[in-house]
Protein backbone atom coordinates (compact mmCIF):
# COMPACT_ATOMS: atom_id res chain seq x y z
CA MET A 1 17.79 -28.31 -6.41
CA LYS A 2 18.90 -24.81 -5.51
CA THR A 3 22.37 -24.10 -4.25
CA SER A 4 23.00 -22.51 -0.89
CA ILE A 5 24.08 -19.31 -2.64
CA GLN A 6 20.78 -19.14 -4.55
CA LEU A 7 18.82 -19.77 -1.37
CA ARG A 8 20.76 -17.08 0.51
CA ARG A 9 19.99 -14.60 -2.28
CA GLU A 10 16.31 -15.50 -2.15
CA ILE A 11 16.29 -15.18 1.64
CA ALA A 12 17.99 -11.77 1.42
CA GLU A 13 15.39 -10.60 -1.11
CA LEU A 14 12.54 -11.85 1.05
CA GLN A 15 14.06 -10.12 4.09
CA LYS A 16 14.12 -6.83 2.13
CA GLN A 17 10.49 -7.31 1.13
CA LEU A 18 9.54 -8.10 4.73
CA ALA A 19 11.32 -4.98 6.00
CA LEU A 20 9.47 -2.83 3.45
CA ALA A 21 6.15 -4.43 4.38
CA GLU A 22 6.80 -3.88 8.09
CA GLN A 23 7.73 -0.25 7.44
CA ALA A 24 4.53 0.26 5.43
CA GLU A 25 2.51 -1.38 8.20
CA GLN A 26 4.01 0.99 10.78
CA GLN A 27 3.21 3.98 8.59
CA ILE A 28 -0.35 2.76 8.08
CA ASN A 29 -0.79 2.20 11.82
CA ALA A 30 0.50 5.74 12.39
CA GLY A 31 -2.19 7.04 10.02
CA ASP A 32 0.17 8.19 7.25
CA PRO A 33 -2.18 9.17 4.39
CA GLU A 34 0.38 8.43 1.67
CA ALA A 35 1.06 4.92 3.00
CA ILE A 36 -2.67 4.28 3.26
CA ALA A 37 -3.23 5.61 -0.26
CA THR A 38 -0.52 3.29 -1.57
CA ALA A 39 -2.13 0.32 0.19
CA LEU A 40 -5.56 1.30 -1.12
CA HIS A 41 -4.20 1.46 -4.65
CA GLN A 42 -2.69 -2.01 -4.28
CA ILE A 43 -5.99 -3.36 -2.97
CA GLN A 44 -8.46 -1.60 -5.24
CA CYS A 45 -6.92 -0.72 -8.59
CA ARG A 46 -8.04 -3.01 -11.40
CA HIS A 47 -6.84 -0.84 -14.27
CA ASN A 48 -4.16 -1.58 -16.81
CA HIS A 49 -1.04 0.23 -15.60
CA ILE A 50 0.17 0.85 -19.13
CA ASP A 51 -2.61 3.11 -20.35
CA GLN A 52 -5.46 3.23 -17.83
CA CYS A 53 -3.82 4.08 -14.50
CA ASP A 54 -1.06 6.65 -14.18
CA TRP A 55 0.09 5.51 -10.71
CA GLU A 56 3.42 4.17 -11.99
CA TYR A 57 4.21 7.44 -13.78
CA GLY A 58 4.14 9.59 -10.67
CA SER A 59 5.37 9.76 -7.11
CA TRP A 60 4.38 11.54 -3.93
CA GLN A 61 6.79 14.32 -4.93
CA LYS A 62 5.09 14.58 -8.36
CA PRO A 63 1.62 13.12 -7.83
CA THR A 64 -0.52 12.00 -10.73
CA TYR A 65 -4.30 11.93 -10.90
CA ALA A 66 -4.27 8.42 -9.38
CA HIS A 67 -2.11 9.55 -6.45
CA THR A 68 -4.43 12.48 -5.76
CA ASP A 69 -7.54 10.29 -6.07
CA TYR A 70 -6.22 7.59 -3.73
CA LEU A 71 -5.00 10.22 -1.27
CA LYS A 72 -8.60 11.50 -1.05
CA LYS A 73 -9.80 7.92 -0.52
CA ALA A 74 -7.15 7.44 2.17
CA GLN A 75 -8.32 10.53 4.02
CA ARG A 76 -11.92 9.29 3.88
CA LEU A 77 -10.76 5.92 5.23
CA ILE A 78 -8.81 7.60 8.04
CA ASP A 79 -11.81 9.75 8.97
CA SER A 80 -14.27 6.83 8.79
CA ALA A 81 -11.98 4.60 10.83
CA ALA A 82 -11.64 7.31 13.47
CA ASP A 83 -15.43 7.73 13.58
CA ALA A 84 -15.79 3.96 14.03
CA GLY A 85 -13.07 3.90 16.69
CA ILE A 86 -10.82 1.51 14.78
CA PRO A 87 -7.28 1.96 13.46
CA PRO A 88 -6.83 2.54 9.71
CA SER A 89 -5.00 -0.79 9.43
CA THR A 90 -8.14 -2.62 10.57
CA ALA A 91 -10.24 -0.80 7.98
CA LEU A 92 -7.69 -1.77 5.31
CA PHE A 93 -7.81 -5.37 6.48
CA PHE A 94 -11.58 -5.43 5.97
CA LEU A 95 -11.11 -4.05 2.46
CA THR A 96 -8.68 -6.83 1.59
CA THR A 97 -11.19 -9.45 2.72
CA LEU A 98 -13.80 -7.96 0.37
CA ARG A 99 -11.50 -8.03 -2.61
């Protein structure tokens, strides 16, 4: 059985994760291409992140090939969602269901 201190630590960690997820959701709903690219990478990438995908080695300040590639995909998603009259978050939701 976990102690109350352990549970409080776990709750605090989950609250941090929830806050980050809510922030990402707001950015996606606002159409932020970088947030959408990050979500797309999380949904779509099936590569080994040691030697097949360079996502972990870069950042938006120093983008890698993967960042640039997913940013292009994000822009296509944003444009397609706008053409369909749906928010980018809805398009991302459909992608997660196809996973």
